N, C-alpha and C. Protein backbone atom coordinates (compact mmCIF):
# COMPACT_ATOMS: atom_id res chain seq x y z
N MET A 1 8.81 -3.91 -18.35
CA MET A 1 7.57 -4.63 -18.57
C MET A 1 6.46 -3.64 -18.90
N ALA A 2 5.63 -4.00 -19.87
CA ALA A 2 4.53 -3.14 -20.29
C ALA A 2 3.47 -3.05 -19.20
N HIS A 3 2.79 -1.91 -19.16
CA HIS A 3 1.71 -1.72 -18.20
C HIS A 3 0.55 -2.63 -18.58
N PRO A 4 -0.01 -3.39 -17.63
CA PRO A 4 -1.11 -4.31 -17.96
C PRO A 4 -2.35 -3.55 -18.43
N HIS A 5 -3.13 -4.22 -19.25
CA HIS A 5 -4.37 -3.64 -19.76
C HIS A 5 -5.32 -3.37 -18.60
N ARG A 6 -6.16 -2.35 -18.72
CA ARG A 6 -7.05 -1.96 -17.62
C ARG A 6 -8.09 -3.02 -17.29
N THR A 7 -8.28 -4.00 -18.18
CA THR A 7 -9.22 -5.07 -17.89
C THR A 7 -8.52 -6.32 -17.35
N SER A 8 -7.25 -6.21 -17.02
CA SER A 8 -6.49 -7.35 -16.51
C SER A 8 -7.11 -7.87 -15.22
N PRO A 9 -7.43 -9.17 -15.15
CA PRO A 9 -8.00 -9.71 -13.92
C PRO A 9 -7.02 -9.64 -12.75
N LEU A 10 -5.73 -9.72 -13.02
CA LEU A 10 -4.74 -9.62 -11.94
C LEU A 10 -4.70 -8.20 -11.37
N GLU A 11 -4.80 -7.21 -12.25
CA GLU A 11 -4.86 -5.83 -11.79
C GLU A 11 -6.13 -5.59 -10.97
N ALA A 12 -7.24 -6.12 -11.43
CA ALA A 12 -8.51 -5.97 -10.71
C ALA A 12 -8.43 -6.61 -9.34
N LEU A 13 -7.84 -7.81 -9.26
CA LEU A 13 -7.70 -8.49 -7.97
C LEU A 13 -6.79 -7.71 -7.03
N SER A 14 -5.69 -7.18 -7.56
CA SER A 14 -4.79 -6.37 -6.73
C SER A 14 -5.50 -5.13 -6.20
N LEU A 15 -6.27 -4.48 -7.05
CA LEU A 15 -7.01 -3.29 -6.62
C LEU A 15 -8.05 -3.65 -5.57
N HIS A 16 -8.75 -4.76 -5.77
CA HIS A 16 -9.74 -5.23 -4.79
C HIS A 16 -9.07 -5.47 -3.44
N LYS A 17 -7.93 -6.14 -3.44
CA LYS A 17 -7.23 -6.43 -2.19
C LYS A 17 -6.73 -5.14 -1.53
N TYR A 18 -6.30 -4.18 -2.33
CA TYR A 18 -5.82 -2.90 -1.80
C TYR A 18 -6.98 -2.13 -1.15
N ILE A 19 -8.09 -2.02 -1.86
CA ILE A 19 -9.25 -1.27 -1.36
C ILE A 19 -9.83 -1.91 -0.11
N ASN A 20 -9.79 -3.22 -0.03
CA ASN A 20 -10.40 -3.95 1.08
C ASN A 20 -9.36 -4.52 2.04
N ALA A 21 -8.25 -3.83 2.19
CA ALA A 21 -7.13 -4.34 2.99
C ALA A 21 -7.48 -4.53 4.46
N GLY A 22 -8.45 -3.82 4.98
CA GLY A 22 -8.74 -3.88 6.40
C GLY A 22 -9.63 -5.03 6.85
N ILE A 23 -10.14 -5.81 5.93
CA ILE A 23 -11.04 -6.89 6.36
C ILE A 23 -10.22 -8.13 6.75
N PRO A 24 -10.77 -8.98 7.63
CA PRO A 24 -10.02 -10.15 8.09
C PRO A 24 -9.61 -11.09 6.94
N HIS A 25 -8.46 -11.71 7.08
CA HIS A 25 -7.97 -12.64 6.06
C HIS A 25 -8.83 -13.89 5.95
N SER A 26 -9.64 -14.15 6.96
CA SER A 26 -10.48 -15.35 6.96
C SER A 26 -11.77 -15.17 6.16
N THR A 27 -12.02 -13.97 5.63
CA THR A 27 -13.25 -13.73 4.87
C THR A 27 -13.14 -14.34 3.47
N PRO A 28 -14.27 -14.60 2.82
CA PRO A 28 -14.23 -15.09 1.44
C PRO A 28 -13.47 -14.10 0.54
N LEU A 29 -12.87 -14.60 -0.52
CA LEU A 29 -11.99 -13.80 -1.38
C LEU A 29 -12.62 -12.49 -1.84
N PHE A 30 -13.85 -12.50 -2.30
CA PHE A 30 -14.44 -11.27 -2.83
C PHE A 30 -15.32 -10.55 -1.83
N SER A 31 -14.98 -10.63 -0.57
CA SER A 31 -15.66 -9.83 0.45
C SER A 31 -15.20 -8.38 0.30
N TYR A 32 -16.03 -7.47 0.78
CA TYR A 32 -15.69 -6.05 0.65
C TYR A 32 -16.13 -5.28 1.88
N LYS A 33 -15.52 -4.10 2.06
CA LYS A 33 -15.84 -3.24 3.20
C LYS A 33 -17.24 -2.66 3.06
N THR A 34 -17.91 -2.56 4.20
CA THR A 34 -19.20 -1.88 4.28
C THR A 34 -19.12 -0.88 5.42
N ALA A 35 -20.16 -0.09 5.62
CA ALA A 35 -20.18 0.89 6.70
C ALA A 35 -20.10 0.22 8.07
N THR A 36 -20.55 -1.03 8.15
CA THR A 36 -20.57 -1.73 9.44
C THR A 36 -19.54 -2.85 9.56
N GLY A 37 -18.66 -2.99 8.60
CA GLY A 37 -17.65 -4.06 8.66
C GLY A 37 -17.30 -4.58 7.29
N TRP A 38 -17.76 -5.79 6.99
CA TRP A 38 -17.52 -6.39 5.68
C TRP A 38 -18.68 -7.28 5.29
N GLN A 39 -18.73 -7.63 4.01
CA GLN A 39 -19.80 -8.48 3.49
C GLN A 39 -19.25 -9.29 2.32
N PRO A 40 -19.63 -10.58 2.23
CA PRO A 40 -19.20 -11.35 1.06
C PRO A 40 -20.00 -10.92 -0.17
N LEU A 41 -19.36 -10.93 -1.31
CA LEU A 41 -20.04 -10.61 -2.56
C LEU A 41 -20.94 -11.78 -2.95
N THR A 42 -22.23 -11.51 -3.10
CA THR A 42 -23.17 -12.55 -3.50
C THR A 42 -23.38 -12.49 -5.01
N ARG A 43 -23.92 -13.56 -5.54
CA ARG A 43 -24.21 -13.61 -6.97
C ARG A 43 -25.17 -12.47 -7.35
N ALA A 44 -26.21 -12.27 -6.56
CA ALA A 44 -27.20 -11.22 -6.85
C ALA A 44 -26.55 -9.84 -6.84
N ASP A 45 -25.69 -9.58 -5.84
CA ASP A 45 -25.00 -8.28 -5.78
C ASP A 45 -24.09 -8.09 -6.99
N PHE A 46 -23.39 -9.16 -7.38
CA PHE A 46 -22.49 -9.09 -8.53
C PHE A 46 -23.26 -8.75 -9.81
N ILE A 47 -24.36 -9.47 -10.05
CA ILE A 47 -25.16 -9.23 -11.26
C ILE A 47 -25.74 -7.81 -11.24
N THR A 48 -26.23 -7.37 -10.09
CA THR A 48 -26.78 -6.02 -9.98
C THR A 48 -25.71 -4.98 -10.28
N HIS A 49 -24.53 -5.15 -9.72
CA HIS A 49 -23.43 -4.21 -9.95
C HIS A 49 -23.04 -4.17 -11.44
N CYS A 50 -22.91 -5.34 -12.05
CA CYS A 50 -22.59 -5.40 -13.48
C CYS A 50 -23.65 -4.68 -14.31
N ASN A 51 -24.92 -4.97 -14.02
CA ASN A 51 -25.99 -4.34 -14.78
C ASN A 51 -26.03 -2.83 -14.60
N ASN A 52 -25.74 -2.35 -13.40
CA ASN A 52 -25.67 -0.90 -13.18
C ASN A 52 -24.62 -0.27 -14.08
N ILE A 53 -23.46 -0.90 -14.16
CA ILE A 53 -22.38 -0.38 -15.00
C ILE A 53 -22.79 -0.43 -16.47
N TRP A 54 -23.35 -1.57 -16.91
CA TRP A 54 -23.72 -1.71 -18.32
C TRP A 54 -24.79 -0.71 -18.71
N VAL A 55 -25.82 -0.55 -17.90
CA VAL A 55 -26.91 0.37 -18.23
C VAL A 55 -26.41 1.81 -18.28
N GLN A 56 -25.53 2.18 -17.35
CA GLN A 56 -24.95 3.53 -17.36
C GLN A 56 -24.17 3.80 -18.65
N ASN A 57 -23.68 2.74 -19.27
CA ASN A 57 -22.90 2.86 -20.50
C ASN A 57 -23.70 2.44 -21.74
N ARG A 58 -25.02 2.48 -21.61
CA ARG A 58 -25.97 2.22 -22.70
C ARG A 58 -25.93 0.80 -23.25
N PHE A 59 -25.58 -0.15 -22.40
CA PHE A 59 -25.68 -1.56 -22.76
C PHE A 59 -26.92 -2.12 -22.08
N PRO A 60 -27.48 -3.21 -22.61
CA PRO A 60 -28.69 -3.77 -21.99
C PRO A 60 -28.40 -4.52 -20.69
N ASN A 61 -29.43 -4.62 -19.85
CA ASN A 61 -29.36 -5.50 -18.68
C ASN A 61 -29.12 -6.92 -19.16
N MET A 62 -28.31 -7.67 -18.43
CA MET A 62 -28.04 -9.06 -18.80
C MET A 62 -28.43 -9.96 -17.64
N PRO A 63 -29.16 -11.02 -17.90
CA PRO A 63 -29.50 -11.95 -16.82
C PRO A 63 -28.27 -12.73 -16.39
N GLY A 64 -28.32 -13.29 -15.21
CA GLY A 64 -27.19 -14.04 -14.67
C GLY A 64 -26.75 -15.20 -15.54
N HIS A 65 -27.71 -15.84 -16.23
CA HIS A 65 -27.32 -16.99 -17.06
C HIS A 65 -26.51 -16.58 -18.28
N ALA A 66 -26.44 -15.28 -18.58
CA ALA A 66 -25.60 -14.83 -19.69
C ALA A 66 -24.13 -15.15 -19.43
N PHE A 67 -23.75 -15.16 -18.15
CA PHE A 67 -22.37 -15.52 -17.81
C PHE A 67 -22.12 -16.99 -18.12
N ARG A 68 -23.11 -17.82 -17.88
CA ARG A 68 -22.95 -19.25 -18.13
C ARG A 68 -22.82 -19.51 -19.63
N ILE A 69 -23.65 -18.86 -20.44
CA ILE A 69 -23.59 -19.11 -21.88
C ILE A 69 -22.29 -18.58 -22.46
N SER A 70 -21.77 -17.46 -21.94
CA SER A 70 -20.50 -16.97 -22.47
C SER A 70 -19.35 -17.89 -22.09
N SER A 71 -19.41 -18.48 -20.90
CA SER A 71 -18.39 -19.46 -20.51
C SER A 71 -18.49 -20.70 -21.39
N THR A 72 -19.70 -21.10 -21.68
CA THR A 72 -19.92 -22.24 -22.56
C THR A 72 -19.36 -21.96 -23.94
N THR A 73 -19.59 -20.75 -24.43
CA THR A 73 -19.08 -20.35 -25.74
C THR A 73 -17.56 -20.45 -25.77
N GLU A 74 -16.92 -19.95 -24.73
CA GLU A 74 -15.46 -19.99 -24.67
C GLU A 74 -14.95 -21.42 -24.71
N LEU A 75 -15.55 -22.31 -23.93
CA LEU A 75 -15.12 -23.71 -23.92
C LEU A 75 -15.36 -24.36 -25.28
N LEU A 76 -16.49 -24.06 -25.89
CA LEU A 76 -16.82 -24.61 -27.19
C LEU A 76 -15.79 -24.16 -28.23
N LEU A 77 -15.44 -22.89 -28.22
CA LEU A 77 -14.47 -22.37 -29.18
C LEU A 77 -13.07 -22.93 -28.94
N GLN A 78 -12.81 -23.39 -27.72
CA GLN A 78 -11.52 -24.02 -27.42
C GLN A 78 -11.50 -25.49 -27.82
N GLY A 79 -12.64 -25.99 -28.29
CA GLY A 79 -12.69 -27.37 -28.76
C GLY A 79 -13.04 -28.39 -27.69
N VAL A 80 -13.53 -27.95 -26.53
CA VAL A 80 -13.92 -28.88 -25.48
C VAL A 80 -15.17 -29.64 -25.94
N ASN A 81 -15.19 -30.93 -25.70
CA ASN A 81 -16.30 -31.79 -26.09
C ASN A 81 -17.61 -31.29 -25.47
N LEU A 82 -18.67 -31.26 -26.29
CA LEU A 82 -19.96 -30.75 -25.82
C LEU A 82 -20.53 -31.54 -24.65
N ASP A 83 -20.28 -32.84 -24.61
CA ASP A 83 -20.77 -33.63 -23.48
C ASP A 83 -20.11 -33.17 -22.18
N ILE A 84 -18.84 -32.82 -22.25
CA ILE A 84 -18.12 -32.33 -21.06
C ILE A 84 -18.66 -30.96 -20.66
N ILE A 85 -18.86 -30.08 -21.64
CA ILE A 85 -19.40 -28.74 -21.35
C ILE A 85 -20.78 -28.88 -20.71
N SER A 86 -21.59 -29.75 -21.24
CA SER A 86 -22.95 -29.96 -20.74
C SER A 86 -22.94 -30.42 -19.28
N VAL A 87 -22.05 -31.36 -18.96
CA VAL A 87 -21.95 -31.87 -17.59
C VAL A 87 -21.40 -30.80 -16.65
N GLN A 88 -20.31 -30.13 -17.06
CA GLN A 88 -19.70 -29.10 -16.21
C GLN A 88 -20.66 -27.96 -15.93
N GLY A 89 -21.47 -27.60 -16.93
CA GLY A 89 -22.41 -26.50 -16.77
C GLY A 89 -23.73 -26.92 -16.14
N ARG A 90 -23.85 -28.22 -15.83
CA ARG A 90 -25.08 -28.77 -15.28
C ARG A 90 -26.28 -28.47 -16.19
N TRP A 91 -26.04 -28.54 -17.50
CA TRP A 91 -27.09 -28.30 -18.48
C TRP A 91 -27.85 -29.60 -18.71
N THR A 92 -29.15 -29.48 -18.92
CA THR A 92 -29.88 -30.62 -19.47
C THR A 92 -29.67 -30.52 -20.98
N SER A 93 -29.82 -31.60 -21.68
CA SER A 93 -29.59 -31.58 -23.14
C SER A 93 -30.44 -30.52 -23.82
N GLN A 94 -31.72 -30.44 -23.48
CA GLN A 94 -32.60 -29.48 -24.12
C GLN A 94 -32.22 -28.04 -23.77
N ALA A 95 -31.95 -27.78 -22.50
CA ALA A 95 -31.60 -26.41 -22.09
C ALA A 95 -30.32 -25.96 -22.78
N PHE A 96 -29.34 -26.85 -22.85
CA PHE A 96 -28.07 -26.52 -23.49
C PHE A 96 -28.31 -26.12 -24.94
N LEU A 97 -29.10 -26.89 -25.64
CA LEU A 97 -29.33 -26.60 -27.05
C LEU A 97 -30.27 -25.43 -27.28
N ASP A 98 -31.15 -25.16 -26.33
CA ASP A 98 -32.00 -23.97 -26.46
C ASP A 98 -31.14 -22.72 -26.58
N TYR A 99 -30.05 -22.66 -25.81
CA TYR A 99 -29.15 -21.52 -25.90
C TYR A 99 -28.41 -21.48 -27.22
N TRP A 100 -28.24 -22.64 -27.82
CA TRP A 100 -27.45 -22.72 -29.04
C TRP A 100 -28.31 -22.75 -30.30
N CYS A 101 -29.63 -22.55 -30.17
CA CYS A 101 -30.50 -22.68 -31.34
C CYS A 101 -30.16 -21.64 -32.41
N CYS A 102 -29.55 -20.55 -32.03
CA CYS A 102 -29.21 -19.49 -32.98
C CYS A 102 -27.71 -19.25 -32.98
N ILE A 103 -26.94 -20.30 -33.18
CA ILE A 103 -25.48 -20.19 -33.09
C ILE A 103 -24.93 -19.12 -34.03
N GLU A 104 -25.56 -18.95 -35.19
CA GLU A 104 -25.07 -17.96 -36.15
C GLU A 104 -25.13 -16.55 -35.59
N SER A 105 -26.08 -16.27 -34.70
CA SER A 105 -26.18 -14.93 -34.13
C SER A 105 -25.41 -14.79 -32.83
N ILE A 106 -25.15 -15.91 -32.13
CA ILE A 106 -24.43 -15.85 -30.86
C ILE A 106 -22.93 -15.75 -31.07
N LEU A 107 -22.39 -16.58 -31.94
CA LEU A 107 -20.93 -16.65 -32.09
C LEU A 107 -20.28 -15.32 -32.45
N PRO A 108 -20.85 -14.52 -33.36
CA PRO A 108 -20.19 -13.25 -33.68
C PRO A 108 -19.99 -12.33 -32.47
N LEU A 109 -20.80 -12.51 -31.43
CA LEU A 109 -20.65 -11.68 -30.24
C LEU A 109 -19.39 -12.03 -29.45
N PHE A 110 -18.86 -13.23 -29.65
CA PHE A 110 -17.77 -13.72 -28.83
C PHE A 110 -16.47 -13.94 -29.58
N ILE A 111 -16.47 -13.74 -30.88
CA ILE A 111 -15.27 -14.05 -31.65
C ILE A 111 -14.79 -12.85 -32.43
N SER A 112 -13.54 -12.91 -32.83
CA SER A 112 -12.98 -11.84 -33.65
C SER A 112 -12.96 -12.29 -35.10
N SER A 113 -12.63 -11.38 -35.99
CA SER A 113 -12.61 -11.71 -37.41
C SER A 113 -11.46 -12.66 -37.76
N SER A 114 -10.55 -12.88 -36.84
CA SER A 114 -9.40 -13.74 -37.12
C SER A 114 -9.69 -15.22 -36.91
N VAL A 115 -10.89 -15.56 -36.48
CA VAL A 115 -11.22 -16.96 -36.21
C VAL A 115 -11.32 -17.73 -37.53
N ASN A 116 -10.81 -18.93 -37.54
CA ASN A 116 -10.82 -19.79 -38.70
C ASN A 116 -12.26 -20.25 -38.99
N LEU A 117 -12.74 -19.97 -40.20
CA LEU A 117 -14.11 -20.33 -40.56
C LEU A 117 -14.32 -21.84 -40.56
N ASN A 118 -13.30 -22.60 -40.90
CA ASN A 118 -13.42 -24.06 -40.85
C ASN A 118 -13.68 -24.51 -39.42
N HIS A 119 -13.04 -23.84 -38.46
CA HIS A 119 -13.25 -24.19 -37.05
C HIS A 119 -14.70 -23.91 -36.66
N LEU A 120 -15.26 -22.80 -37.12
CA LEU A 120 -16.66 -22.49 -36.81
C LEU A 120 -17.60 -23.51 -37.42
N GLN A 121 -17.29 -23.99 -38.62
CA GLN A 121 -18.11 -25.04 -39.22
C GLN A 121 -18.01 -26.32 -38.41
N ASP A 122 -16.81 -26.61 -37.89
CA ASP A 122 -16.64 -27.78 -37.02
C ASP A 122 -17.49 -27.64 -35.76
N VAL A 123 -17.54 -26.43 -35.20
CA VAL A 123 -18.36 -26.18 -34.01
C VAL A 123 -19.83 -26.44 -34.33
N ASP A 124 -20.28 -25.95 -35.47
CA ASP A 124 -21.67 -26.16 -35.87
C ASP A 124 -21.97 -27.65 -36.04
N THR A 125 -21.06 -28.38 -36.67
CA THR A 125 -21.22 -29.82 -36.84
C THR A 125 -21.27 -30.53 -35.49
N THR A 126 -20.41 -30.11 -34.57
CA THR A 126 -20.37 -30.70 -33.23
C THR A 126 -21.71 -30.53 -32.53
N ILE A 127 -22.29 -29.34 -32.63
CA ILE A 127 -23.57 -29.07 -31.98
C ILE A 127 -24.68 -29.92 -32.62
N ARG A 128 -24.67 -30.02 -33.93
CA ARG A 128 -25.68 -30.84 -34.62
C ARG A 128 -25.55 -32.32 -34.22
N ASP A 129 -24.32 -32.82 -34.14
CA ASP A 129 -24.09 -34.21 -33.73
C ASP A 129 -24.57 -34.44 -32.29
N PHE A 130 -24.28 -33.49 -31.41
CA PHE A 130 -24.71 -33.57 -30.02
C PHE A 130 -26.24 -33.65 -29.95
N SER A 131 -26.90 -32.82 -30.76
CA SER A 131 -28.37 -32.81 -30.79
C SER A 131 -28.92 -34.16 -31.21
N LYS A 132 -28.35 -34.73 -32.25
CA LYS A 132 -28.81 -36.03 -32.74
C LYS A 132 -28.58 -37.11 -31.69
N ARG A 133 -27.41 -37.11 -31.07
CA ARG A 133 -27.06 -38.12 -30.07
C ARG A 133 -28.01 -38.10 -28.88
N HIS A 134 -28.50 -36.92 -28.54
CA HIS A 134 -29.37 -36.77 -27.37
C HIS A 134 -30.84 -36.62 -27.77
N ASN A 135 -31.14 -36.89 -29.04
CA ASN A 135 -32.52 -36.82 -29.55
C ASN A 135 -33.21 -35.51 -29.19
N VAL A 136 -32.53 -34.42 -29.46
CA VAL A 136 -33.06 -33.09 -29.15
C VAL A 136 -33.35 -32.38 -30.47
N LEU A 137 -34.53 -31.78 -30.54
CA LEU A 137 -34.89 -31.02 -31.73
C LEU A 137 -33.97 -29.83 -31.89
N GLN A 138 -33.62 -29.54 -33.13
CA GLN A 138 -32.87 -28.32 -33.40
C GLN A 138 -33.80 -27.33 -34.05
N PHE A 139 -33.58 -26.09 -33.76
CA PHE A 139 -34.45 -25.03 -34.28
C PHE A 139 -33.87 -24.46 -35.54
């Protein structure tokens, strides 16, 4: 079997469990060792840690909602209905579309050159239809 890629989530989880083997099994999954015992990983700690890594590698700081929009992008590219994405993400119609006002500049960040252009046009049409259905201005 080939060695898993260094960004493999299973490898990361195995390493996390190995490094934090001494904490009680009853702790939340992403708890970690501290000088005084253990601590659960909070959203704020996670975002801070990510930003520290990104800035050290000359990437910009990213706000926490960047994770939500990238998840939304993934679901959209998989063809999930926008109404479902909106409900699952707890988006209001306007907030959801505010993130999508510049789809032409957002999508290239999340897709490879192998993506079918017809599919991207379908995504754009889907967003426009969603906007009309919810009476939301498009930019």
